[in-house]
């Protein structure tokens, strides 16, 4: 029984002393590296949540950027009503007419040619 006990003690000593190997061959990250990686992931997540894609309308040989049309509609509205806040906006694009129609705050209407 002494031999079995000594073998068991040697095995437990070997497993306690040997560091665990990670798969993939990567070294463990330090706390600073973990914090930096978490910060980068949080920034990427925030950027993905606030994504505003560039949307284009193409028709025959005409192309219009929707963001540019929205800005043009805002500027056109501001010419008439400088102090009114824009709470809602609907933009209707008719590429065959090269015109975008807008309705702001469900009251003011207008059109923009592009």
PDB file of N, CA and C in Angstrom:
ATOM      1  N   UNK A   1       0.808  -1.184   0.000  1.00  0.00           N
ATOM      2  CA  UNK A   1       0.000   0.000   0.000  1.00  0.00           C
ATOM      3  C   UNK A   1       0.854   1.252   0.000  1.00  0.00           C
ATOM      4  N   UNK A   2       2.004   1.167   0.511  1.00  0.00           N
ATOM      5  CA  UNK A   2       2.878   2.327   0.522  1.00  0.00           C
ATOM      6  C   UNK A   2       3.222   2.775  -0.892  1.00  0.00           C
ATOM      7  N   UNK A   3       3.409   1.846  -1.775  1.00  0.00           N
ATOM      8  CA  UNK A   3       3.762   2.179  -3.161  1.00  0.00           C
ATOM      9  C   UNK A   3       2.607   2.919  -3.829  1.00  0.00           C
ATOM     10  N   UNK A   4       1.391   2.464  -3.623  1.00  0.00           N
ATOM     11  CA  UNK A   4       0.232   3.127  -4.211  1.00  0.00           C
ATOM     12  C   UNK A   4       0.066   4.548  -3.671  1.00  0.00           C
ATOM     13  N   UNK A   5       0.286   4.703  -2.388  1.00  0.00           N
ATOM     14  CA  UNK A   5       0.156   6.035  -1.790  1.00  0.00           C
ATOM     15  C   UNK A   5       1.218   6.986  -2.324  1.00  0.00           C
ATOM     16  N   UNK A   6       2.433   6.517  -2.471  1.00  0.00           N
ATOM     17  CA  UNK A   6       3.501   7.378  -2.984  1.00  0.00           C
ATOM     18  C   UNK A   6       3.262   7.732  -4.448  1.00  0.00           C
ATOM     19  N   UNK A   7       2.758   6.778  -5.229  1.00  0.00           N
ATOM     20  CA  UNK A   7       2.460   7.064  -6.643  1.00  0.00           C
ATOM     21  C   UNK A   7       1.338   8.094  -6.759  1.00  0.00           C
ATOM     22  N   UNK A   8       0.330   7.972  -5.926  1.00  0.00           N
ATOM     23  CA  UNK A   8      -0.779   8.919  -5.939  1.00  0.00           C
ATOM     24  C   UNK A   8      -0.294  10.305  -5.532  1.00  0.00           C
ATOM     25  N   UNK A   9       0.594  10.377  -4.549  1.00  0.00           N
ATOM     26  CA  UNK A   9       1.143  11.668  -4.106  1.00  0.00           C
ATOM     27  C   UNK A   9       1.980  12.294  -5.211  1.00  0.00           C
ATOM     28  N   UNK A  10       2.762  11.495  -5.931  1.00  0.00           N
ATOM     29  CA  UNK A  10       3.587  12.013  -7.031  1.00  0.00           C
ATOM     30  C   UNK A  10       2.710  12.539  -8.166  1.00  0.00           C
ATOM     31  N   UNK A  11       1.650  11.833  -8.450  1.00  0.00           N
ATOM     32  CA  UNK A  11       0.745  12.268  -9.534  1.00  0.00           C
ATOM     33  C   UNK A  11       0.084  13.589  -9.170  1.00  0.00           C
ATOM     34  N   UNK A  12      -0.377  13.724  -7.940  1.00  0.00           N
ATOM     35  CA  UNK A  12      -1.018  14.984  -7.540  1.00  0.00           C
ATOM     36  C   UNK A  12      -0.015  16.124  -7.534  1.00  0.00           C
ATOM     37  N   UNK A  13       1.235  15.876  -7.144  1.00  0.00           N
ATOM     38  CA  UNK A  13       2.263  16.920  -7.173  1.00  0.00           C
ATOM     39  C   UNK A  13       2.543  17.360  -8.604  1.00  0.00           C
ATOM     40  N   UNK A  14       2.614  16.419  -9.525  1.00  0.00           N
ATOM     41  CA  UNK A  14       2.890  16.742 -10.925  1.00  0.00           C
ATOM     42  C   UNK A  14       1.764  17.573 -11.532  1.00  0.00           C
ATOM     43  N   UNK A  15       0.540  17.222 -11.228  1.00  0.00           N
ATOM     44  CA  UNK A  15      -0.586  17.970 -11.797  1.00  0.00           C
ATOM     45  C   UNK A  15      -0.695  19.358 -11.191  1.00  0.00           C
ATOM     46  N   UNK A  16      -0.332  19.523  -9.928  1.00  0.00           N
ATOM     47  CA  UNK A  16      -0.398  20.829  -9.295  1.00  0.00           C
ATOM     48  C   UNK A  16       0.715  21.749  -9.792  1.00  0.00           C
ATOM     49  N   UNK A  17       1.883  21.205 -10.069  1.00  0.00           N
ATOM     50  CA  UNK A  17       3.019  21.998 -10.498  1.00  0.00           C
ATOM     51  C   UNK A  17       2.940  22.383 -11.969  1.00  0.00           C
ATOM     52  N   UNK A  18       2.455  21.536 -12.795  1.00  0.00           N
ATOM     53  CA  UNK A  18       2.436  21.781 -14.242  1.00  0.00           C
ATOM     54  C   UNK A  18       1.358  22.806 -14.580  1.00  0.00           C
ATOM     55  N   UNK A  19       1.733  23.874 -15.299  1.00  0.00           N
ATOM     56  CA  UNK A  19       0.709  24.856 -15.694  1.00  0.00           C
ATOM     57  C   UNK A  19      -0.211  24.266 -16.753  1.00  0.00           C
ATOM     58  N   UNK A  20      -1.430  24.729 -16.723  1.00  0.00           N
ATOM     59  CA  UNK A  20      -2.397  24.237 -17.697  1.00  0.00           C
ATOM     60  C   UNK A  20      -2.093  24.841 -19.053  1.00  0.00           C
ATOM     61  N   UNK A  21      -2.175  24.037 -20.075  1.00  0.00           N
ATOM     62  CA  UNK A  21      -1.933  24.508 -21.427  1.00  0.00           C
ATOM     63  C   UNK A  21      -3.245  24.968 -22.045  1.00  0.00           C
ATOM     64  N   UNK A  22      -3.172  26.073 -22.758  1.00  0.00           N
ATOM     65  CA  UNK A  22      -4.355  26.584 -23.444  1.00  0.00           C
ATOM     66  C   UNK A  22      -4.348  26.057 -24.867  1.00  0.00           C
ATOM     67  N   UNK A  23      -5.510  25.844 -25.368  1.00  0.00           N
ATOM     68  CA  UNK A  23      -5.628  25.415 -26.760  1.00  0.00           C
ATOM     69  C   UNK A  23      -5.369  26.597 -27.669  1.00  0.00           C
ATOM     70  N   UNK A  24      -4.812  26.340 -28.816  1.00  0.00           N
ATOM     71  CA  UNK A  24      -4.578  27.390 -29.788  1.00  0.00           C
ATOM     72  C   UNK A  24      -3.240  28.077 -29.612  1.00  0.00           C
ATOM     73  N   UNK A  25      -2.506  27.786 -28.585  1.00  0.00           N
ATOM     74  CA  UNK A  25      -1.180  28.329 -28.403  1.00  0.00           C
ATOM     75  C   UNK A  25      -1.139  29.791 -27.970  1.00  0.00           C
ATOM     76  N   UNK A  26      -2.254  30.365 -27.557  1.00  0.00           N
ATOM     77  CA  UNK A  26      -2.257  31.766 -27.124  1.00  0.00           C
ATOM     78  C   UNK A  26      -1.796  31.866 -25.682  1.00  0.00           C
ATOM     79  N   UNK A  27      -1.127  32.973 -25.392  1.00  0.00           N
ATOM     80  CA  UNK A  27      -0.724  33.225 -24.017  1.00  0.00           C
ATOM     81  C   UNK A  27      -1.894  33.861 -23.283  1.00  0.00           C
ATOM     82  N   UNK A  28      -1.994  33.629 -21.989  1.00  0.00           N
ATOM     83  CA  UNK A  28      -3.074  34.266 -21.222  1.00  0.00           C
ATOM     84  C   UNK A  28      -2.917  35.787 -21.242  1.00  0.00           C
ATOM     85  N   UNK A  29      -4.046  36.483 -21.260  1.00  0.00           N
ATOM     86  CA  UNK A  29      -4.032  37.940 -21.293  1.00  0.00           C
ATOM     87  C   UNK A  29      -3.862  38.493 -19.883  1.00  0.00           C
ATOM     88  N   UNK A  30      -3.168  39.622 -19.795  1.00  0.00           N
ATOM     89  CA  UNK A  30      -3.042  40.302 -18.513  1.00  0.00           C
ATOM     90  C   UNK A  30      -4.334  41.071 -18.263  1.00  0.00           C
ATOM     91  N   UNK A  31      -4.471  41.579 -17.055  1.00  0.00           N
ATOM     92  CA  UNK A  31      -5.679  42.338 -16.710  1.00  0.00           C
ATOM     93  C   UNK A  31      -5.789  43.597 -17.560  1.00  0.00           C
ATOM     94  N   UNK A  32      -4.659  44.248 -17.844  1.00  0.00           N
ATOM     95  CA  UNK A  32      -4.670  45.453 -18.682  1.00  0.00           C
ATOM     96  C   UNK A  32      -5.115  45.128 -20.101  1.00  0.00           C
ATOM     97  N   UNK A  33      -4.629  44.009 -20.622  1.00  0.00           N
ATOM     98  CA  UNK A  33      -5.015  43.592 -21.972  1.00  0.00           C
ATOM     99  C   UNK A  33      -6.490  43.234 -22.021  1.00  0.00           C
ATOM    100  N   UNK A  34      -6.978  42.586 -20.968  1.00  0.00           N
ATOM    101  CA  UNK A  34      -8.404  42.246 -20.913  1.00  0.00           C
ATOM    102  C   UNK A  34      -9.255  43.506 -20.887  1.00  0.00           C
ATOM    103  N   UNK A  35      -8.827  44.502 -20.119  1.00  0.00           N
ATOM    104  CA  UNK A  35      -9.574  45.757 -20.030  1.00  0.00           C
ATOM    105  C   UNK A  35      -9.563  46.480 -21.380  1.00  0.00           C
ATOM    106  N   UNK A  36      -8.415  46.483 -22.054  1.00  0.00           N
ATOM    107  CA  UNK A  36      -8.319  47.128 -23.365  1.00  0.00           C
ATOM    108  C   UNK A  36      -9.190  46.411 -24.388  1.00  0.00           C
ATOM    109  N   UNK A  37      -9.188  45.088 -24.357  1.00  0.00           N
ATOM    110  CA  UNK A  37     -10.013  44.312 -25.288  1.00  0.00           C
ATOM    111  C   UNK A  37     -11.495  44.538 -25.013  1.00  0.00           C
ATOM    112  N   UNK A  38     -11.868  44.634 -23.747  1.00  0.00           N
ATOM    113  CA  UNK A  38     -13.271  44.888 -23.393  1.00  0.00           C
ATOM    114  C   UNK A  38     -13.691  46.269 -23.869  1.00  0.00           C
ATOM    115  N   UNK A  39     -12.796  47.243 -23.759  1.00  0.00           N
ATOM    116  CA  UNK A  39     -13.099  48.598 -24.218  1.00  0.00           C
ATOM    117  C   UNK A  39     -13.305  48.627 -25.731  1.00  0.00           C
ATOM    118  N   UNK A  40     -12.454  47.933 -26.467  1.00  0.00           N
ATOM    119  CA  UNK A  40     -12.582  47.862 -27.930  1.00  0.00           C
ATOM    120  C   UNK A  40     -13.884  47.190 -28.318  1.00  0.00           C
ATOM    121  N   UNK A  41     -14.234  46.100 -27.649  1.00  0.00           N
ATOM    122  CA  UNK A  41     -15.493  45.403 -27.947  1.00  0.00           C
ATOM    123  C   UNK A  41     -16.689  46.302 -27.663  1.00  0.00           C
ATOM    124  N   UNK A  42     -16.627  47.075 -26.577  1.00  0.00           N
ATOM    125  CA  UNK A  42     -17.732  47.986 -26.232  1.00  0.00           C
ATOM    126  C   UNK A  42     -17.872  49.079 -27.286  1.00  0.00           C
ATOM    127  N   UNK A  43     -16.753  49.612 -27.773  1.00  0.00           N
ATOM    128  CA  UNK A  43     -16.793  50.631 -28.825  1.00  0.00           C
ATOM    129  C   UNK A  43     -17.375  50.066 -30.118  1.00  0.00           C
ATOM    130  N   UNK A  44     -16.961  48.851 -30.470  1.00  0.00           N
ATOM    131  CA  UNK A  44     -17.482  48.216 -31.680  1.00  0.00           C
ATOM    132  C   UNK A  44     -18.974  47.945 -31.541  1.00  0.00           C
ATOM    133  N   UNK A  45     -19.408  47.527 -30.380  1.00  0.00           N
ATOM    134  CA  UNK A  45     -20.829  47.256 -30.155  1.00  0.00           C
ATOM    135  C   UNK A  45     -21.644  48.533 -30.253  1.00  0.00           C
ATOM    136  N   UNK A  46     -21.130  49.629 -29.687  1.00  0.00           N
ATOM    137  CA  UNK A  46     -21.825  50.917 -29.762  1.00  0.00           C
ATOM    138  C   UNK A  46     -21.886  51.408 -31.209  1.00  0.00           C
ATOM    139  N   UNK A  47     -20.800  51.235 -31.951  1.00  0.00           N
ATOM    140  CA  UNK A  47     -20.784  51.654 -33.353  1.00  0.00           C
ATOM    141  C   UNK A  47     -21.780  50.841 -34.170  1.00  0.00           C
ATOM    142  N   UNK A  48     -21.882  49.552 -33.883  1.00  0.00           N
ATOM    143  CA  UNK A  48     -22.826  48.706 -34.612  1.00  0.00           C
ATOM    144  C   UNK A  48     -24.266  49.069 -34.266  1.00  0.00           C
ATOM    145  N   UNK A  49     -24.512  49.435 -33.012  1.00  0.00           N
ATOM    146  CA  UNK A  49     -25.866  49.799 -32.600  1.00  0.00           C
ATOM    147  C   UNK A  49     -26.307  51.124 -33.214  1.00  0.00           C
ATOM    148  N   UNK A  50     -25.356  52.029 -33.455  1.00  0.00           N
ATOM    149  CA  UNK A  50     -25.669  53.343 -34.003  1.00  0.00           C
ATOM    150  C   UNK A  50     -25.362  53.441 -35.494  1.00  0.00           C
ATOM    151  N   UNK A  51     -25.339  52.323 -36.170  1.00  0.00           N
ATOM    152  CA  UNK A  51     -25.004  52.295 -37.589  1.00  0.00           C
ATOM    153  C   UNK A  51     -26.031  53.061 -38.409  1.00  0.00           C
ATOM    154  N   UNK A  52     -25.536  53.963 -39.233  1.00  0.00           N
ATOM    155  CA  UNK A  52     -26.383  54.698 -40.161  1.00  0.00           C
ATOM    156  C   UNK A  52     -25.798  54.480 -41.550  1.00  0.00           C
ATOM    157  N   UNK A  53     -26.356  53.559 -42.288  1.00  0.00           N
ATOM    158  CA  UNK A  53     -25.775  53.231 -43.589  1.00  0.00           C
ATOM    159  C   UNK A  53     -26.027  54.327 -44.624  1.00  0.00           C
ATOM    160  N   UNK A  54     -25.155  54.380 -45.607  1.00  0.00           N
ATOM    161  CA  UNK A  54     -25.369  55.262 -46.746  1.00  0.00           C
ATOM    162  C   UNK A  54     -26.288  54.529 -47.714  1.00  0.00           C
ATOM    163  N   UNK A  55     -27.441  55.134 -47.992  1.00  0.00           N
ATOM    164  CA  UNK A  55     -28.421  54.511 -48.862  1.00  0.00           C
ATOM    165  C   UNK A  55     -28.515  55.339 -50.142  1.00  0.00           C
ATOM    166  N   UNK A  56     -28.434  54.663 -51.262  1.00  0.00           N
ATOM    167  CA  UNK A  56     -28.501  55.319 -52.559  1.00  0.00           C
ATOM    168  C   UNK A  56     -29.691  54.785 -53.334  1.00  0.00           C
ATOM    169  N   UNK A  57     -30.307  55.658 -54.115  1.00  0.00           N
ATOM    170  CA  UNK A  57     -31.369  55.258 -55.029  1.00  0.00           C
ATOM    171  C   UNK A  57     -30.802  55.420 -56.424  1.00  0.00           C
ATOM    172  N   UNK A  58     -30.864  54.354 -57.202  1.00  0.00           N
ATOM    173  CA  UNK A  58     -30.381  54.404 -58.578  1.00  0.00           C
ATOM    174  C   UNK A  58     -31.534  54.104 -59.514  1.00  0.00           C
ATOM    175  N   UNK A  59     -31.626  54.923 -60.550  1.00  0.00           N
ATOM    176  CA  UNK A  59     -32.658  54.722 -61.557  1.00  0.00           C
ATOM    177  C   UNK A  59     -32.093  55.186 -62.878  1.00  0.00           C
ATOM    178  N   UNK A  60     -32.058  54.298 -63.824  1.00  0.00           N
ATOM    179  CA  UNK A  60     -31.461  54.542 -65.130  1.00  0.00           C
ATOM    180  C   UNK A  60     -30.063  55.125 -64.936  1.00  0.00           C
ATOM    181  N   UNK A  61     -29.819  56.339 -65.292  1.00  0.00           N
ATOM    182  CA  UNK A  61     -28.481  56.904 -65.128  1.00  0.00           C
ATOM    183  C   UNK A  61     -28.412  57.899 -63.977  1.00  0.00           C
ATOM    184  N   UNK A  62     -29.379  57.877 -63.106  1.00  0.00           N
ATOM    185  CA  UNK A  62     -29.448  58.811 -61.989  1.00  0.00           C
ATOM    186  C   UNK A  62     -29.132  58.087 -60.688  1.00  0.00           C
ATOM    187  N   UNK A  63     -28.388  58.768 -59.828  1.00  0.00           N
ATOM    188  CA  UNK A  63     -28.090  58.222 -58.509  1.00  0.00           C
ATOM    189  C   UNK A  63     -28.251  59.340 -57.486  1.00  0.00           C
ATOM    190  N   UNK A  64     -28.886  59.020 -56.363  1.00  0.00           N
ATOM    191  CA  UNK A  64     -29.089  60.017 -55.309  1.00  0.00           C
ATOM    192  C   UNK A  64     -28.810  59.377 -53.960  1.00  0.00           C
ATOM    193  N   UNK A  65     -28.061  60.085 -53.131  1.00  0.00           N
ATOM    194  CA  UNK A  65     -27.783  59.634 -51.772  1.00  0.00           C
ATOM    195  C   UNK A  65     -28.931  60.104 -50.881  1.00  0.00           C
ATOM    196  N   UNK A  66     -29.534  59.192 -50.166  1.00  0.00           N
ATOM    197  CA  UNK A  66     -30.688  59.522 -49.322  1.00  0.00           C
ATOM    198  C   UNK A  66     -30.294  60.494 -48.215  1.00  0.00           C
ATOM    199  N   UNK A  67     -29.109  60.323 -47.634  1.00  0.00           N
ATOM    200  CA  UNK A  67     -28.678  61.235 -46.569  1.00  0.00           C
ATOM    201  C   UNK A  67     -28.582  62.668 -47.078  1.00  0.00           C
ATOM    202  N   UNK A  68     -28.108  62.842 -48.316  1.00  0.00           N
ATOM    203  CA  UNK A  68     -28.040  64.180 -48.907  1.00  0.00           C
ATOM    204  C   UNK A  68     -29.434  64.755 -49.114  1.00  0.00           C
ATOM    205  N   UNK A  69     -30.374  63.910 -49.518  1.00  0.00           N
ATOM    206  CA  UNK A  69     -31.748  64.383 -49.719  1.00  0.00           C
ATOM    207  C   UNK A  69     -32.395  64.782 -48.391  1.00  0.00           C
ATOM    208  N   UNK A  70     -32.108  64.037 -47.339  1.00  0.00           N
ATOM    209  CA  UNK A  70     -32.648  64.370 -46.019  1.00  0.00           C
ATOM    210  C   UNK A  70     -32.094  65.720 -45.565  1.00  0.00           C
ATOM    211  N   UNK A  71     -30.803  65.931 -45.738  1.00  0.00           N
ATOM    212  CA  UNK A  71     -30.203  67.215 -45.360  1.00  0.00           C
ATOM    213  C   UNK A  71     -30.779  68.358 -46.196  1.00  0.00           C
ATOM    214  N   UNK A  72     -30.978  68.123 -47.472  1.00  0.00           N
ATOM    215  CA  UNK A  72     -31.557  69.159 -48.332  1.00  0.00           C
ATOM    216  C   UNK A  72     -32.987  69.490 -47.898  1.00  0.00           C
ATOM    217  N   UNK A  73     -33.753  68.477 -47.504  1.00  0.00           N
ATOM    218  CA  UNK A  73     -35.121  68.710 -47.030  1.00  0.00           C
ATOM    219  C   UNK A  73     -35.098  69.518 -45.731  1.00  0.00           C
ATOM    220  N   UNK A  74     -34.157  69.223 -44.847  1.00  0.00           N
ATOM    221  CA  UNK A  74     -34.033  69.995 -43.610  1.00  0.00           C
ATOM    222  C   UNK A  74     -33.703  71.458 -43.905  1.00  0.00           C
ATOM    223  N   UNK A  75     -32.756  71.670 -44.808  1.00  0.00           N
ATOM    224  CA  UNK A  75     -32.376  73.038 -45.157  1.00  0.00           C
ATOM    225  C   UNK A  75     -33.542  73.794 -45.782  1.00  0.00           C
ATOM    226  N   UNK A  76     -34.280  73.137 -46.651  1.00  0.00           N
ATOM    227  CA  UNK A  76     -35.438  73.756 -47.291  1.00  0.00           C
ATOM    228  C   UNK A  76     -36.494  74.128 -46.245  1.00  0.00           C
ATOM    229  N   UNK A  77     -36.719  73.240 -45.298  1.00  0.00           N
ATOM    230  CA  UNK A  77     -37.680  73.497 -44.230  1.00  0.00           C
ATOM    231  C   UNK A  77     -37.206  74.651 -43.348  1.00  0.00           C
ATOM    232  N   UNK A  78     -35.913  74.707 -43.063  1.00  0.00           N
ATOM    233  CA  UNK A  78     -35.351  75.769 -42.217  1.00  0.00           C
ATOM    234  C   UNK A  78     -35.465  77.154 -42.870  1.00  0.00           C
ATOM    235  N   UNK A  79     -35.512  77.209 -44.193  1.00  0.00           N
ATOM    236  CA  UNK A  79     -35.685  78.491 -44.870  1.00  0.00           C
ATOM    237  C   UNK A  79     -37.037  79.104 -44.517  1.00  0.00           C
ATOM    238  N   UNK A  80     -38.059  78.247 -44.399  1.00  0.00           N
ATOM    239  CA  UNK A  80     -39.407  78.717 -44.100  1.00  0.00           C
ATOM    240  C   UNK A  80     -39.634  78.898 -42.597  1.00  0.00           C
ATOM    241  N   UNK A  81     -39.225  77.900 -41.820  1.00  0.00           N
ATOM    242  CA  UNK A  81     -39.506  77.899 -40.380  1.00  0.00           C
ATOM    243  C   UNK A  81     -38.206  77.637 -39.635  1.00  0.00           C
ATOM    244  N   UNK A  82     -37.592  78.704 -39.185  1.00  0.00           N
ATOM    245  CA  UNK A  82     -36.269  78.589 -38.577  1.00  0.00           C
ATOM    246  C   UNK A  82     -36.296  78.026 -37.170  1.00  0.00           C
ATOM    247  N   UNK A  83     -37.331  78.302 -36.417  1.00  0.00           N
ATOM    248  CA  UNK A  83     -37.356  77.903 -35.009  1.00  0.00           C
ATOM    249  C   UNK A  83     -38.121  76.616 -34.733  1.00  0.00           C
ATOM    250  N   UNK A  84     -38.789  76.097 -35.700  1.00  0.00           N
ATOM    251  CA  UNK A  84     -39.589  74.890 -35.490  1.00  0.00           C
ATOM    252  C   UNK A  84     -38.675  73.668 -35.473  1.00  0.00           C
ATOM    253  N   UNK A  85     -38.859  72.844 -34.464  1.00  0.00           N
ATOM    254  CA  UNK A  85     -38.075  71.614 -34.370  1.00  0.00           C
ATOM    255  C   UNK A  85     -38.643  70.566 -35.309  1.00  0.00           C
ATOM    256  N   UNK A  86     -37.758  69.772 -35.853  1.00  0.00           N
ATOM    257  CA  UNK A  86     -38.185  68.670 -36.722  1.00  0.00           C
ATOM    258  C   UNK A  86     -38.328  67.433 -35.848  1.00  0.00           C
ATOM    259  N   UNK A  87     -39.576  67.001 -35.678  1.00  0.00           N
ATOM    260  CA  UNK A  87     -39.852  65.825 -34.853  1.00  0.00           C
ATOM    261  C   UNK A  87     -40.069  64.576 -35.683  1.00  0.00           C
ATOM    262  N   UNK A  88     -40.541  64.765 -36.908  1.00  0.00           N
ATOM    263  CA  UNK A  88     -40.725  63.611 -37.794  1.00  0.00           C
ATOM    264  C   UNK A  88     -40.529  64.075 -39.230  1.00  0.00           C
ATOM    265  N   UNK A  89     -40.082  63.157 -40.041  1.00  0.00           N
ATOM    266  CA  UNK A  89     -39.872  63.461 -41.453  1.00  0.00           C
ATOM    267  C   UNK A  89     -40.147  62.217 -42.281  1.00  0.00           C
ATOM    268  N   UNK A  90     -40.912  62.408 -43.344  1.00  0.00           N
ATOM    269  CA  UNK A  90     -41.151  61.352 -44.321  1.00  0.00           C
ATOM    270  C   UNK A  90     -40.608  61.866 -45.644  1.00  0.00           C
ATOM    271  N   UNK A  91     -39.864  61.013 -46.315  1.00  0.00           N
ATOM    272  CA  UNK A  91     -39.244  61.396 -47.579  1.00  0.00           C
ATOM    273  C   UNK A  91     -39.682  60.400 -48.643  1.00  0.00           C
ATOM    274  N   UNK A  92     -40.263  60.916 -49.699  1.00  0.00           N
ATOM    275  CA  UNK A  92     -40.738  60.083 -50.797  1.00  0.00           C
ATOM    276  C   UNK A  92     -39.890  60.408 -52.020  1.00  0.00           C
ATOM    277  N   UNK A  93     -39.152  59.426 -52.505  1.00  0.00           N
ATOM    278  CA  UNK A  93     -38.232  59.642 -53.622  1.00  0.00           C
ATOM    279  C   UNK A  93     -38.855  59.088 -54.895  1.00  0.00           C
ATOM    280  N   UNK A  94     -38.919  59.945 -55.910  1.00  0.00           N
ATOM    281  CA  UNK A  94     -39.419  59.530 -57.221  1.00  0.00           C
ATOM    282  C   UNK A  94     -38.298  59.753 -58.234  1.00  0.00           C
ATOM    283  N   UNK A  95     -37.478  58.718 -58.435  1.00  0.00           N
ATOM    284  CA  UNK A  95     -36.310  58.901 -59.302  1.00  0.00           C
ATOM    285  C   UNK A  95     -36.678  59.181 -60.757  1.00  0.00           C
ATOM    286  N   UNK A  96     -37.839  58.697 -61.211  1.00  0.00           N
ATOM    287  CA  UNK A  96     -38.220  58.953 -62.608  1.00  0.00           C
ATOM    288  C   UNK A  96     -38.498  60.437 -62.850  1.00  0.00           C
ATOM    289  N   UNK A  97     -38.862  61.156 -61.782  1.00  0.00           N
ATOM    290  CA  UNK A  97     -39.086  62.597 -61.883  1.00  0.00           C
ATOM    291  C   UNK A  97     -37.879  63.391 -61.378  1.00  0.00           C
ATOM    292  N   UNK A  98     -36.860  62.681 -60.842  1.00  0.00           N
ATOM    293  CA  UNK A  98     -35.687  63.305 -60.225  1.00  0.00           C
ATOM    294  C   UNK A  98     -36.113  64.278 -59.126  1.00  0.00           C
ATOM    295  N   UNK A  99     -37.080  63.856 -58.333  1.00  0.00           N
ATOM    296  CA  UNK A  99     -37.635  64.698 -57.282  1.00  0.00           C
ATOM    297  C   UNK A  99     -37.856  63.875 -56.014  1.00  0.00           C
ATOM    298  N   UNK A 100     -37.656  64.532 -54.880  1.00  0.00           N
ATOM    299  CA  UNK A 100     -37.971  63.924 -53.590  1.00  0.00           C
ATOM    300  C   UNK A 100     -38.975  64.834 -52.897  1.00  0.00           C
ATOM    301  N   UNK A 101     -40.062  64.253 -52.428  1.00  0.00           N
ATOM    302  CA  UNK A 101     -41.092  64.991 -51.712  1.00  0.00           C
ATOM    303  C   UNK A 101     -40.941  64.694 -50.226  1.00  0.00           C
ATOM    304  N   UNK A 102     -41.144  65.703 -49.395  1.00  0.00           N
ATOM    305  CA  UNK A 102     -41.011  65.493 -47.961  1.00  0.00           C
ATOM    306  C   UNK A 102     -42.220  66.042 -47.219  1.00  0.00           C
ATOM    307  N   UNK A 103     -42.476  65.428 -46.058  1.00  0.00           N
ATOM    308  CA  UNK A 103     -43.496  65.896 -45.121  1.00  0.00           C
ATOM    309  C   UNK A 103     -42.809  65.942 -43.764  1.00  0.00           C
ATOM    310  N   UNK A 104     -42.766  67.143 -43.174  1.00  0.00           N
ATOM    311  CA  UNK A 104     -42.099  67.327 -41.890  1.00  0.00           C
ATOM    312  C   UNK A 104     -43.142  67.671 -40.842  1.00  0.00           C
ATOM    313  N   UNK A 105     -43.046  66.991 -39.715  1.00  0.00           N
ATOM    314  CA  UNK A 105     -43.963  67.163 -38.581  1.00  0.00           C
ATOM    315  C   UNK A 105     -45.424  66.972 -38.989  1.00  0.00           C
ATOM    316  N   UNK A 106     -45.650  66.205 -39.997  1.00  0.00           N
ATOM    317  CA  UNK A 106     -46.982  65.868 -40.510  1.00  0.00           C
ATOM    318  C   UNK A 106     -47.785  67.102 -40.916  1.00  0.00           C
ATOM    319  N   UNK A 107     -47.110  68.244 -41.154  1.00  0.00           N
ATOM    320  CA  UNK A 107     -47.802  69.468 -41.531  1.00  0.00           C
ATOM    321  C   UNK A 107     -47.179  70.121 -42.755  1.00  0.00           C
ATOM    322  N   UNK A 108     -45.896  70.290 -42.736  1.00  0.00           N
ATOM    323  CA  UNK A 108     -45.207  71.027 -43.792  1.00  0.00           C
ATOM    324  C   UNK A 108     -44.798  70.079 -44.917  1.00  0.00           C
ATOM    325  N   UNK A 109     -45.096  70.468 -46.134  1.00  0.00           N
ATOM    326  CA  UNK A 109     -44.764  69.660 -47.311  1.00  0.00           C
ATOM    327  C   UNK A 109     -43.856  70.463 -48.230  1.00  0.00           C
ATOM    328  N   UNK A 110     -43.082  69.756 -49.000  1.00  0.00           N
ATOM    329  CA  UNK A 110     -42.206  70.407 -49.967  1.00  0.00           C
ATOM    330  C   UNK A 110     -41.595  69.393 -50.891  1.00  0.00           C
ATOM    331  N   UNK A 111     -40.796  69.889 -51.834  1.00  0.00           N
ATOM    332  CA  UNK A 111     -40.121  68.975 -52.747  1.00  0.00           C
ATOM    333  C   UNK A 111     -38.720  69.488 -53.034  1.00  0.00           C
ATOM    334  N   UNK A 112     -37.872  68.550 -53.393  1.00  0.00           N
ATOM    335  CA  UNK A 112     -36.464  68.833 -53.710  1.00  0.00           C
ATOM    336  C   UNK A 112     -36.155  68.147 -55.028  1.00  0.00           C
ATOM    337  N   UNK A 113     -35.539  68.862 -55.919  1.00  0.00           N
ATOM    338  CA  UNK A 113     -35.098  68.239 -57.170  1.00  0.00           C
ATOM    339  C   UNK A 113     -33.626  67.855 -57.012  1.00  0.00           C
ATOM    340  N   UNK A 114     -33.292  66.719 -57.556  1.00  0.00           N
ATOM    341  CA  UNK A 114     -31.888  66.280 -57.499  1.00  0.00           C
ATOM    342  C   UNK A 114     -31.367  65.916 -58.861  1.00  0.00           C
TER     343      UNK A 114
END
